[in-house]
Amino acid sequence: MQYPPLMPGILLRRYKRFFADVHLDDGREVVAHCPNTGSMRAVNVPGCRVWLAASDNPKRKLAWTWELIELPQPDGSMAMASVHTGRANRLVEEALRGRRLPGLADYATLTREAKVAGNAGQTEARLDFRLDDPERESAFIEVKQVTLKEPDGHGYFPDAVSVRGRKHLLALADLAAHGHRAVLLFCVAHAGIRDVAPAAHLDPAYALALREVAALGVEMRAYGCQVISREGVPATISLGDPLPVHPDHVDDIQRSV
């Protein structure tokens, strides 16, 4: 996916979920739309460099959209993270249509926003993708963006209690029980994250459900994101290498509670 031209600045604050004050490098202070409804734990860091996209749509209330943030890492390096949750599904769709995900590359058709009817004992839900092929059972995919890196070094999901996320897990488990492929795909949008585990210290019910559905046949995958810059400005982002998923991991933070 190619970014529109991006403008660098410094994050001053994020507030009321959808607003972020940013001091641009050209001296202006602007209010940007924050396209992320989550807690943004670990990626809402005032003082860090951020990248905004401008819009010339006169109907928009805010002319800027917050896309990326650069975060300092314990080893002194910087890691880019995408805060725009709407990008995750697009990156996965690009990879699916480009047949770049082994095991999910040979299906004939792709449908977005696949509704699971909820009959025959199944949990009603709407999942991100459905893959169909006349020679095999359908595959259903739910995508979750991961940006939470905790001090113990691991990446975690979710970053807050997620009732909706648990509902998706139950729907995937029901599909697996009825003979379909059911895939939970973590789009890891933080370059400093090297693996993914359930955030039992934030949502123990989700962590328990994740372990249970993994045992019931729900496939779990994670892929990093690769941001490529041109002349120092982020230009493209794409789904990158696979990363480990540890559904049974008990985080160090949870042990200390």
Protein backbone atom coordinates (compact mmCIF):
# COMPACT_ATOMS: atom_id res chain seq x y z
CA MET A 1 0.00 0.00 0.00
CA GLN A 2 1.32 3.40 -0.95
CA TYR A 3 0.95 6.28 1.45
CA PRO A 4 -0.16 9.72 0.32
CA PRO A 5 2.48 12.40 0.96
CA LEU A 6 3.19 12.44 4.70
CA MET A 7 4.15 15.37 6.91
CA PRO A 8 6.36 14.87 9.99
CA GLY A 9 5.69 16.39 13.36
CA ILE A 10 5.81 15.82 17.11
CA LEU A 11 2.86 14.37 19.00
CA LEU A 12 1.62 16.72 21.71
CA ARG A 13 -1.36 14.72 22.95
CA ARG A 14 -4.16 12.36 21.94
CA TYR A 15 -7.56 13.00 23.50
CA LYS A 16 -11.27 12.13 23.21
CA ARG A 17 -10.16 9.01 21.29
CA PHE A 18 -10.33 10.62 17.85
CA PHE A 19 -8.18 13.76 18.20
CA ALA A 20 -4.44 14.35 18.31
CA ASP A 21 -2.58 17.64 18.63
CA VAL A 22 0.61 17.66 16.57
CA HIS A 23 3.36 20.25 16.15
CA LEU A 24 4.40 19.96 12.50
CA ASP A 25 8.01 20.40 11.44
CA ASP A 26 7.01 23.51 9.48
CA GLY A 27 5.97 25.20 12.74
CA ARG A 28 2.20 24.79 12.54
CA GLU A 29 0.19 23.17 15.32
CA VAL A 30 -2.70 21.11 13.93
CA VAL A 31 -5.46 18.82 15.16
CA ALA A 32 -5.37 15.45 13.41
CA HIS A 33 -7.94 12.69 13.21
CA CYS A 34 -6.83 9.65 15.22
CA PRO A 35 -8.16 6.59 13.33
CA ASN A 36 -7.89 4.24 16.30
CA THR A 37 -10.63 3.56 18.85
CA GLY A 38 -8.45 1.49 21.17
CA SER A 39 -6.48 2.50 24.22
CA MET A 40 -3.32 2.90 22.09
CA ARG A 41 -1.35 1.72 25.10
CA ALA A 42 2.39 1.97 24.29
CA VAL A 43 1.90 3.91 21.03
CA ASN A 44 0.30 7.08 22.44
CA VAL A 45 3.62 8.66 23.45
CA PRO A 46 3.75 12.49 23.46
CA GLY A 47 7.08 13.85 22.31
CA CYS A 48 7.60 11.19 19.64
CA ARG A 49 7.84 11.86 15.92
CA VAL A 50 4.63 11.16 14.03
CA TRP A 51 3.60 11.24 10.39
CA LEU A 52 0.35 12.76 9.16
CA ALA A 53 -1.50 12.52 5.86
CA ALA A 54 -3.29 15.60 4.53
CA SER A 55 -6.72 15.57 2.88
CA ASP A 56 -8.15 18.14 0.50
CA ASN A 57 -11.72 16.87 0.98
CA PRO A 58 -13.75 19.99 1.92
CA LYS A 59 -16.36 17.84 3.71
CA ARG A 60 -13.87 16.61 6.28
CA LYS A 61 -13.85 18.33 9.65
CA LEU A 62 -10.14 17.60 10.15
CA ALA A 63 -7.68 17.98 7.31
CA TRP A 64 -5.05 15.67 8.81
CA THR A 65 -4.94 11.95 9.63
CA TRP A 66 -2.42 10.42 12.01
CA GLU A 67 -0.75 7.46 10.28
CA LEU A 68 2.54 6.52 11.98
CA ILE A 69 4.63 7.06 15.09
CA GLU A 70 8.35 6.40 15.69
CA LEU A 71 9.02 4.84 19.08
CA PRO A 72 12.33 4.52 20.95
CA GLN A 73 13.36 0.95 21.81
CA PRO A 74 15.38 -0.34 24.79
CA ASP A 75 18.44 -0.91 22.57
CA GLY A 76 18.44 2.73 21.44
CA SER A 77 16.92 2.06 18.02
CA MET A 78 13.65 3.45 16.68
CA ALA A 79 10.64 1.37 15.64
CA MET A 80 7.88 2.55 13.34
CA ALA A 81 4.30 1.73 14.31
CA SER A 82 1.10 2.26 12.34
CA VAL A 83 -1.70 3.66 14.50
CA HIS A 84 -4.29 3.61 11.69
CA THR A 85 -6.32 0.47 12.41
CA GLY A 86 -8.05 0.72 9.04
CA ARG A 87 -4.80 -0.14 7.30
CA ALA A 88 -4.57 -3.67 8.70
CA ASN A 89 -7.40 -5.18 6.65
CA ARG A 90 -6.17 -3.51 3.50
CA LEU A 91 -2.67 -4.91 3.99
CA VAL A 92 -4.02 -8.41 4.55
CA GLU A 93 -6.31 -8.13 1.53
CA GLU A 94 -3.38 -7.04 -0.65
CA ALA A 95 -1.37 -10.03 0.53
CA LEU A 96 -4.29 -12.43 -0.05
CA ARG A 97 -5.02 -11.12 -3.53
CA GLY A 98 -1.31 -11.19 -4.32
CA ARG A 99 -1.22 -14.85 -3.19
CA ARG A 100 1.61 -14.10 -0.77
CA LEU A 101 0.29 -16.00 2.26
CA PRO A 102 1.16 -19.72 2.11
CA GLY A 103 -1.83 -21.94 2.73
CA LEU A 104 -4.26 -19.12 1.92
CA ALA A 105 -3.10 -18.43 -1.61
CA ASP A 106 -5.02 -20.92 -3.73
CA TYR A 107 -8.65 -20.00 -3.11
CA ALA A 108 -10.76 -18.91 -6.06
CA THR A 109 -12.68 -15.99 -4.51
CA LEU A 110 -12.38 -13.52 -1.67
CA THR A 111 -15.32 -11.83 0.09
CA ARG A 112 -14.95 -8.97 2.55
CA GLU A 113 -17.12 -8.53 5.66
CA ALA A 114 -18.34 -12.13 5.68
CA LYS A 115 -21.43 -12.64 7.79
CA VAL A 116 -21.65 -15.79 9.90
CA ALA A 117 -25.38 -16.42 10.16
CA GLY A 118 -25.50 -17.86 13.67
CA ASN A 119 -27.65 -20.87 12.78
CA ALA A 120 -26.98 -24.53 13.64
CA GLY A 121 -25.38 -23.57 16.92
CA GLN A 122 -22.95 -21.07 15.41
CA THR A 123 -22.16 -17.67 16.90
CA GLU A 124 -23.48 -14.80 14.78
CA ALA A 125 -20.71 -12.40 13.74
CA ARG A 126 -19.20 -10.52 10.86
CA LEU A 127 -15.65 -11.59 10.03
CA ASP A 128 -13.16 -9.73 7.87
CA PHE A 129 -12.66 -12.18 4.99
CA ARG A 130 -14.08 -15.36 3.51
CA LEU A 131 -12.14 -17.42 0.98
CA ASP A 132 -14.02 -19.91 -1.21
CA ASP A 133 -12.96 -22.59 -3.62
CA PRO A 134 -14.94 -25.44 -5.21
CA GLU A 135 -12.32 -27.99 -4.17
CA ARG A 136 -12.21 -27.27 -0.42
CA GLU A 137 -14.08 -25.92 2.57
CA SER A 138 -14.35 -22.17 2.96
CA ALA A 139 -11.78 -20.31 5.03
CA PHE A 140 -12.83 -17.46 7.34
CA ILE A 141 -10.27 -14.89 8.50
CA GLU A 142 -10.51 -12.33 11.29
CA VAL A 143 -7.77 -9.67 11.32
CA LYS A 144 -6.53 -7.96 14.49
CA GLN A 145 -3.95 -5.17 14.54
CA VAL A 146 -1.24 -5.47 17.19
CA THR A 147 0.73 -2.45 18.43
CA LEU A 148 1.12 -3.19 22.13
CA LYS A 149 4.70 -3.94 23.14
CA GLU A 150 5.11 -4.26 26.89
CA PRO A 151 8.34 -3.80 28.90
CA ASP A 152 8.88 -7.58 28.99
CA GLY A 153 9.58 -7.36 25.25
CA HIS A 154 6.57 -9.28 23.93
CA GLY A 155 3.75 -8.09 21.72
CA TYR A 156 0.24 -8.46 23.10
CA PHE A 157 -3.39 -8.35 22.02
CA PRO A 158 -5.75 -6.79 22.98
CA ASP A 159 -4.59 -3.47 24.45
CA ALA A 160 -7.80 -3.19 26.52
CA VAL A 161 -10.80 -5.37 27.38
CA SER A 162 -12.37 -6.53 24.10
CA VAL A 163 -15.82 -8.09 24.31
CA ARG A 164 -16.09 -7.88 20.52
CA GLY A 165 -12.77 -9.68 20.18
CA ARG A 166 -14.03 -12.58 22.32
CA LYS A 167 -17.15 -12.79 20.17
CA HIS A 168 -14.98 -13.17 17.09
CA LEU A 169 -13.02 -15.97 18.78
CA LEU A 170 -16.25 -17.86 19.53
CA ALA A 171 -17.43 -17.43 15.94
CA LEU A 172 -14.14 -18.79 14.63
CA ALA A 173 -14.33 -21.76 17.00
CA ASP A 174 -17.88 -22.54 15.82
CA LEU A 175 -16.74 -22.45 12.19
CA ALA A 176 -13.85 -24.79 12.92
CA ALA A 177 -16.26 -27.18 14.66
CA HIS A 178 -18.40 -27.23 11.51
CA GLY A 179 -15.50 -28.18 9.25
CA HIS A 180 -14.43 -24.77 7.95
CA ARG A 181 -10.98 -23.28 8.17
CA ALA A 182 -11.00 -20.54 10.80
CA VAL A 183 -8.02 -18.21 10.95
CA LEU A 184 -7.15 -15.48 13.44
CA LEU A 185 -4.56 -13.28 11.75
CA PHE A 186 -2.59 -10.74 13.77
CA CYS A 187 -1.31 -7.83 11.69
CA VAL A 188 1.64 -6.66 13.78
CA ALA A 189 1.94 -2.96 13.02
CA HIS A 190 4.83 -2.22 15.41
CA ALA A 191 8.30 -2.93 13.99
CA GLY A 192 9.68 -3.64 17.46
CA ILE A 193 7.37 -6.60 18.10
CA ARG A 194 8.77 -10.06 17.37
CA ASP A 195 5.97 -12.32 18.67
CA VAL A 196 2.34 -12.13 19.78
CA ALA A 197 0.64 -13.44 22.94
CA PRO A 198 -2.72 -12.85 24.65
CA ALA A 199 -2.73 -9.89 27.04
CA ALA A 200 -3.91 -11.72 30.16
CA HIS A 201 -2.90 -8.74 32.31
CA LEU A 202 -5.42 -6.54 30.46
CA ASP A 203 -8.17 -8.94 29.38
CA PRO A 204 -7.91 -12.33 31.14
CA ALA A 205 -11.20 -13.50 29.60
CA TYR A 206 -9.86 -12.93 26.09
CA ALA A 207 -6.61 -14.71 26.96
CA LEU A 208 -8.53 -17.73 28.26
CA ALA A 209 -10.77 -17.78 25.17
CA LEU A 210 -7.74 -17.56 22.87
CA ARG A 211 -6.15 -20.61 24.48
CA GLU A 212 -9.42 -22.53 24.30
CA VAL A 213 -10.16 -21.80 20.63
CA ALA A 214 -6.57 -22.64 19.64
CA ALA A 215 -7.13 -26.09 21.14
CA LEU A 216 -10.38 -26.37 19.17
CA GLY A 217 -8.70 -25.91 15.80
CA VAL A 218 -8.66 -22.16 15.15
CA GLU A 219 -5.49 -21.36 13.21
CA MET A 220 -3.39 -18.47 14.48
CA ARG A 221 -1.01 -16.48 12.34
CA ALA A 222 0.92 -13.26 12.77
CA TYR A 223 2.74 -11.13 10.23
CA GLY A 224 4.85 -8.06 10.71
CA CYS A 225 4.53 -4.88 8.67
CA GLN A 226 7.28 -3.39 6.55
CA VAL A 227 7.43 0.37 6.09
CA ILE A 228 9.70 1.59 3.30
CA SER A 229 10.82 5.22 3.23
CA ARG A 230 12.00 7.34 0.33
CA GLU A 231 14.25 10.30 1.08
CA GLY A 232 13.46 9.91 4.77
CA VAL A 233 9.67 9.92 4.36
CA PRO A 234 7.53 6.75 4.78
CA ALA A 235 6.25 5.87 1.33
CA THR A 236 4.80 2.35 1.43
CA ILE A 237 3.66 -0.25 3.95
CA SER A 238 3.09 -3.94 3.30
CA LEU A 239 2.56 -7.19 5.17
CA GLY A 240 5.94 -8.66 6.06
CA ASP A 241 7.42 -11.81 7.54
CA PRO A 242 5.52 -14.31 9.69
CA LEU A 243 5.94 -14.03 13.46
CA PRO A 244 5.32 -16.59 16.24
CA VAL A 245 1.99 -16.66 18.10
CA HIS A 246 2.01 -18.04 21.65
CA PRO A 247 -1.60 -18.62 22.77
CA ASP A 248 -0.46 -20.36 25.97
CA HIS A 249 2.05 -17.69 26.98
CA VAL A 250 1.60 -16.30 30.50
CA ASP A 251 3.11 -12.83 30.45
CA ASP A 252 5.56 -11.63 33.05
CA ILE A 253 3.24 -8.72 33.86
CA GLN A 254 0.39 -11.10 34.73
CA ARG A 255 2.70 -13.11 37.00
CA SER A 256 3.44 -10.00 39.00
CA VAL A 257 -0.23 -9.12 39.57
